[in-house]
């Protein structure tokens, strides 16, 4: 994934599990922690991703990610919209966001 890229629903097509309440997004970005790439040109999540994930994972309550923020600094408005949709109770059940997780260890979540 490139610098400042926005992650949208297309990366999650074909996924879905009605029982999933926690989704972990591992981009490999935590390996970059402390670098300019991690802090100045991070990836972000699109505003369209929130309603898509709410539809595909109706029980989803939390997303953990190795992104410094949902907001990509070069596309701040998109990030603000995404934060609002994920967290705003007026737009359905809020999805809590656990940002800046260290997910670079051997991955036991995919076993």
C-alpha atoms as a PDB file:
ATOM      1  CA  UNK A   1       0.000   0.000   0.000  1.00  0.00           C
ATOM      2  CA  UNK A   2       1.263   3.442  -0.872  1.00  0.00           C
ATOM      3  CA  UNK A   3       1.714   6.544   1.226  1.00  0.00           C
ATOM      4  CA  UNK A   4      -1.510   8.343   2.173  1.00  0.00           C
ATOM      5  CA  UNK A   5      -3.658   5.621   0.593  1.00  0.00           C
ATOM      6  CA  UNK A   6      -7.258   5.417   1.748  1.00  0.00           C
ATOM      7  CA  UNK A   7      -8.513   1.919   2.547  1.00  0.00           C
ATOM      8  CA  UNK A   8     -12.012   1.338   1.217  1.00  0.00           C
ATOM      9  CA  UNK A   9     -14.587  -1.442   1.020  1.00  0.00           C
ATOM     10  CA  UNK A  10     -12.972  -3.024  -2.047  1.00  0.00           C
ATOM     11  CA  UNK A  11     -10.231  -4.539   0.142  1.00  0.00           C
ATOM     12  CA  UNK A  12     -12.861  -6.348   2.204  1.00  0.00           C
ATOM     13  CA  UNK A  13     -15.049  -7.761  -0.578  1.00  0.00           C
ATOM     14  CA  UNK A  14     -15.865 -11.414  -0.102  1.00  0.00           C
ATOM     15  CA  UNK A  15     -15.563 -11.196   3.676  1.00  0.00           C
ATOM     16  CA  UNK A  16     -18.372 -11.445   6.142  1.00  0.00           C
ATOM     17  CA  UNK A  17     -19.267 -13.256   9.295  1.00  0.00           C
ATOM     18  CA  UNK A  18     -22.495 -12.489  11.069  1.00  0.00           C
ATOM     19  CA  UNK A  19     -20.946 -13.296  14.473  1.00  0.00           C
ATOM     20  CA  UNK A  20     -17.832 -11.087  14.181  1.00  0.00           C
ATOM     21  CA  UNK A  21     -17.731  -8.356  16.818  1.00  0.00           C
ATOM     22  CA  UNK A  22     -13.997  -7.510  16.606  1.00  0.00           C
ATOM     23  CA  UNK A  23     -12.119  -6.864  13.368  1.00  0.00           C
ATOM     24  CA  UNK A  24      -8.335  -6.499  13.292  1.00  0.00           C
ATOM     25  CA  UNK A  25      -6.842  -4.609  10.336  1.00  0.00           C
ATOM     26  CA  UNK A  26      -3.166  -5.434   9.913  1.00  0.00           C
ATOM     27  CA  UNK A  27      -1.531  -3.351   7.189  1.00  0.00           C
ATOM     28  CA  UNK A  28       2.076  -3.882   8.217  1.00  0.00           C
ATOM     29  CA  UNK A  29       2.241  -0.185   9.028  1.00  0.00           C
ATOM     30  CA  UNK A  30       3.264  -0.768  12.648  1.00  0.00           C
ATOM     31  CA  UNK A  31       6.666  -1.888  11.357  1.00  0.00           C
ATOM     32  CA  UNK A  32       7.108   1.733  10.210  1.00  0.00           C
ATOM     33  CA  UNK A  33       6.406   3.123  13.713  1.00  0.00           C
ATOM     34  CA  UNK A  34       8.483   6.188  14.552  1.00  0.00           C
ATOM     35  CA  UNK A  35       9.299   6.973  10.915  1.00  0.00           C
ATOM     36  CA  UNK A  36       8.074   9.841   8.740  1.00  0.00           C
ATOM     37  CA  UNK A  37       6.101   7.347   6.647  1.00  0.00           C
ATOM     38  CA  UNK A  38       4.176   6.218   9.721  1.00  0.00           C
ATOM     39  CA  UNK A  39       3.520   9.689  11.140  1.00  0.00           C
ATOM     40  CA  UNK A  40       3.425  12.030   8.120  1.00  0.00           C
ATOM     41  CA  UNK A  41       2.055   9.924   5.237  1.00  0.00           C
ATOM     42  CA  UNK A  42      -0.028   7.224   6.927  1.00  0.00           C
ATOM     43  CA  UNK A  43      -2.786   5.161   5.417  1.00  0.00           C
ATOM     44  CA  UNK A  44      -6.372   5.997   6.398  1.00  0.00           C
ATOM     45  CA  UNK A  45      -9.874   4.518   6.251  1.00  0.00           C
ATOM     46  CA  UNK A  46     -12.554   5.779   3.878  1.00  0.00           C
ATOM     47  CA  UNK A  47     -15.925   7.119   4.984  1.00  0.00           C
ATOM     48  CA  UNK A  48     -17.561   4.456   2.784  1.00  0.00           C
ATOM     49  CA  UNK A  49     -15.878   1.685   4.766  1.00  0.00           C
ATOM     50  CA  UNK A  50     -17.930   2.245   7.942  1.00  0.00           C
ATOM     51  CA  UNK A  51     -21.417   1.568   6.499  1.00  0.00           C
ATOM     52  CA  UNK A  52     -19.994  -1.296   4.423  1.00  0.00           C
ATOM     53  CA  UNK A  53     -18.509  -2.995   7.501  1.00  0.00           C
ATOM     54  CA  UNK A  54     -21.713  -2.389   9.474  1.00  0.00           C
ATOM     55  CA  UNK A  55     -23.635  -4.172   6.714  1.00  0.00           C
ATOM     56  CA  UNK A  56     -21.186  -7.087   6.278  1.00  0.00           C
ATOM     57  CA  UNK A  57     -20.509  -7.527  10.017  1.00  0.00           C
ATOM     58  CA  UNK A  58     -23.786  -6.521  11.749  1.00  0.00           C
ATOM     59  CA  UNK A  59     -22.462  -7.406  15.227  1.00  0.00           C
ATOM     60  CA  UNK A  60     -19.192  -5.486  14.772  1.00  0.00           C
ATOM     61  CA  UNK A  61     -18.418  -3.318  17.814  1.00  0.00           C
ATOM     62  CA  UNK A  62     -14.663  -2.676  17.616  1.00  0.00           C
ATOM     63  CA  UNK A  63     -11.922  -2.364  15.008  1.00  0.00           C
ATOM     64  CA  UNK A  64      -8.280  -2.679  15.989  1.00  0.00           C
ATOM     65  CA  UNK A  65      -5.686  -1.433  13.512  1.00  0.00           C
ATOM     66  CA  UNK A  66      -1.987  -0.757  13.128  1.00  0.00           C
ATOM     67  CA  UNK A  67      -2.709   2.657  11.613  1.00  0.00           C
ATOM     68  CA  UNK A  68      -1.776   5.724  13.630  1.00  0.00           C
ATOM     69  CA  UNK A  69      -5.320   6.986  12.979  1.00  0.00           C
ATOM     70  CA  UNK A  70      -8.359   6.436  10.789  1.00  0.00           C
ATOM     71  CA  UNK A  71      -7.435   9.847   9.407  1.00  0.00           C
ATOM     72  CA  UNK A  72      -4.745  10.089   6.735  1.00  0.00           C
ATOM     73  CA  UNK A  73      -3.165  13.513   7.203  1.00  0.00           C
ATOM     74  CA  UNK A  74      -3.156  14.257   3.490  1.00  0.00           C
ATOM     75  CA  UNK A  75      -6.910  13.523   3.302  1.00  0.00           C
ATOM     76  CA  UNK A  76      -8.134  14.916   6.604  1.00  0.00           C
ATOM     77  CA  UNK A  77     -11.722  15.597   5.549  1.00  0.00           C
ATOM     78  CA  UNK A  78     -12.189  11.964   4.498  1.00  0.00           C
ATOM     79  CA  UNK A  79     -10.798  10.838   7.856  1.00  0.00           C
ATOM     80  CA  UNK A  80     -13.091  13.159   9.799  1.00  0.00           C
ATOM     81  CA  UNK A  81     -16.101  11.770   7.927  1.00  0.00           C
ATOM     82  CA  UNK A  82     -14.951   8.206   8.623  1.00  0.00           C
ATOM     83  CA  UNK A  83     -14.468   8.924  12.349  1.00  0.00           C
ATOM     84  CA  UNK A  84     -17.954  10.438  12.516  1.00  0.00           C
ATOM     85  CA  UNK A  85     -19.630   7.513  10.781  1.00  0.00           C
ATOM     86  CA  UNK A  86     -17.805   4.868  12.843  1.00  0.00           C
ATOM     87  CA  UNK A  87     -18.442   6.579  16.199  1.00  0.00           C
ATOM     88  CA  UNK A  88     -21.713   8.514  15.766  1.00  0.00           C
ATOM     89  CA  UNK A  89     -24.596   6.722  17.527  1.00  0.00           C
ATOM     90  CA  UNK A  90     -27.075   8.585  15.293  1.00  0.00           C
ATOM     91  CA  UNK A  91     -25.736   6.553  12.365  1.00  0.00           C
ATOM     92  CA  UNK A  92     -26.390   3.189  14.053  1.00  0.00           C
ATOM     93  CA  UNK A  93     -24.492   1.336  16.744  1.00  0.00           C
ATOM     94  CA  UNK A  94     -21.052   2.968  17.143  1.00  0.00           C
ATOM     95  CA  UNK A  95     -17.945   0.979  16.251  1.00  0.00           C
ATOM     96  CA  UNK A  96     -15.086   1.692  18.636  1.00  0.00           C
ATOM     97  CA  UNK A  97     -11.699   2.328  17.048  1.00  0.00           C
ATOM     98  CA  UNK A  98      -8.480   1.055  18.614  1.00  0.00           C
ATOM     99  CA  UNK A  99      -5.808   2.853  16.607  1.00  0.00           C
ATOM    100  CA  UNK A 100      -2.021   2.621  16.620  1.00  0.00           C
ATOM    101  CA  UNK A 101      -1.843  -1.033  17.689  1.00  0.00           C
ATOM    102  CA  UNK A 102       1.430  -2.921  17.417  1.00  0.00           C
ATOM    103  CA  UNK A 103       0.515  -5.816  15.132  1.00  0.00           C
ATOM    104  CA  UNK A 104       3.929  -6.708  13.718  1.00  0.00           C
ATOM    105  CA  UNK A 105       4.442  -9.873  15.776  1.00  0.00           C
ATOM    106  CA  UNK A 106       3.835 -13.352  14.363  1.00  0.00           C
ATOM    107  CA  UNK A 107       0.196 -13.333  13.510  1.00  0.00           C
ATOM    108  CA  UNK A 108      -1.815 -15.774  15.597  1.00  0.00           C
ATOM    109  CA  UNK A 109      -5.112 -14.098  14.657  1.00  0.00           C
ATOM    110  CA  UNK A 110      -5.198 -15.760  11.236  1.00  0.00           C
ATOM    111  CA  UNK A 111      -4.811 -19.320  12.487  1.00  0.00           C
END
